[in-house]
C-alpha atoms as a PDB file:
ATOM      1  CA  MET A   1     -17.482 277.339   9.644  1.00  0.00           C
ATOM      2  CA  GLU A   2     -13.901 276.945  10.866  1.00  0.00           C
ATOM      3  CA  PHE A   3     -12.503 273.923  12.718  1.00  0.00           C
ATOM      4  CA  GLY A   4     -13.392 273.988  16.422  1.00  0.00           C
ATOM      5  CA  GLU A   5     -16.134 276.583  15.917  1.00  0.00           C
ATOM      6  CA  LYS A   6     -19.547 275.718  17.329  1.00  0.00           C
ATOM      7  CA  CYS A   7     -22.511 275.416  15.000  1.00  0.00           C
ATOM      8  CA  PRO A   8     -24.705 278.544  15.180  1.00  0.00           C
ATOM      9  CA  LYS A   9     -27.902 276.473  14.997  1.00  0.00           C
ATOM     10  CA  CYS A  10     -27.258 273.768  17.625  1.00  0.00           C
ATOM     11  CA  HIS A  11     -24.394 275.438  19.557  1.00  0.00           C
ATOM     12  CA  GLY A  12     -22.316 272.251  19.441  1.00  0.00           C
ATOM     13  CA  THR A  13     -24.942 269.893  20.897  1.00  0.00           C
ATOM     14  CA  LYS A  14     -25.635 268.199  17.507  1.00  0.00           C
ATOM     15  CA  ARG A  15     -29.390 268.236  18.215  1.00  0.00           C
ATOM     16  CA  ILE A  16     -32.133 270.822  17.868  1.00  0.00           C
ATOM     17  CA  LYS A  17     -35.278 271.107  19.979  1.00  0.00           C
ATOM     18  CA  GLN A  18     -38.347 271.893  17.877  1.00  0.00           C
ATOM     19  CA  ALA A  19     -41.120 274.282  18.961  1.00  0.00           C
ATOM     20  CA  ASP A  20     -43.395 271.314  19.754  1.00  0.00           C
ATOM     21  CA  GLY A  21     -40.783 269.809  22.119  1.00  0.00           C
ATOM     22  CA  THR A  22     -39.432 267.095  19.828  1.00  0.00           C
ATOM     23  CA  ILE A  23     -35.688 266.747  19.374  1.00  0.00           C
ATOM     24  CA  ARG A  24     -34.048 266.143  16.007  1.00  0.00           C
ATOM     25  CA  PRO A  25     -30.458 265.938  14.759  1.00  0.00           C
ATOM     26  CA  CYS A  26     -28.823 269.106  13.480  1.00  0.00           C
ATOM     27  CA  TRP A  27     -28.863 268.630   9.699  1.00  0.00           C
ATOM     28  CA  ASP A  28     -25.996 271.091   9.180  1.00  0.00           C
ATOM     29  CA  CYS A  29     -23.676 269.112  11.488  1.00  0.00           C
ATOM     30  CA  LEU A  30     -24.780 265.876   9.839  1.00  0.00           C
ATOM     31  CA  MET A  31     -24.000 267.200   6.351  1.00  0.00           C
ATOM     32  CA  ARG A  32     -20.558 268.419   7.472  1.00  0.00           C
ATOM     33  CA  GLY A  33     -19.745 264.952   8.850  1.00  0.00           C
ATOM     34  CA  GLU A  34     -19.367 266.113  12.444  1.00  0.00           C
ATOM     35  CA  MET A  35     -21.730 263.529  13.932  1.00  0.00           C
ATOM     36  CA  ASP A  36     -20.090 260.312  15.109  1.00  0.00           C
ATOM     37  CA  GLN A  37     -22.279 257.263  15.558  1.00  0.00           C
ATOM     38  CA  HIS A  38     -19.796 255.781  18.025  1.00  0.00           C
ATOM     39  CA  SER A  39     -20.053 257.786  21.222  1.00  0.00           C
ATOM     40  CA  LYS A  40     -17.142 257.821  23.622  1.00  0.00           C
ATOM     41  CA  ASN A  41     -19.538 258.432  26.555  1.00  0.00           C
ATOM     42  CA  VAL A  42     -22.019 255.589  26.326  1.00  0.00           C
ATOM     43  CA  LYS A  43     -25.021 255.733  28.663  1.00  0.00           C
ATOM     44  CA  ASP A  44     -25.551 252.798  30.982  1.00  0.00           C
ATOM     45  CA  SER A  45     -28.649 251.140  29.536  1.00  0.00           C
ATOM     46  CA  GLY A  46     -28.875 248.443  32.171  1.00  0.00           C
ATOM     47  CA  ILE A  47     -28.884 245.702  29.530  1.00  0.00           C
ATOM     48  CA  GLN A  48     -26.830 242.674  30.427  1.00  0.00           C
ATOM     49  CA  ILE A  49     -25.523 240.175  27.929  1.00  0.00           C
END
């Protein structure tokens, strides 16, 4: 896969929805190192420190 090209399995979402409705990471993107654990768009969890 070339740089900037979307993954054919997950279409760039980095997650795959299984037939039973569960969601799992895209193993191909994980193996290529395209998944970043530090998201730039963090959800508001409502937790206050």
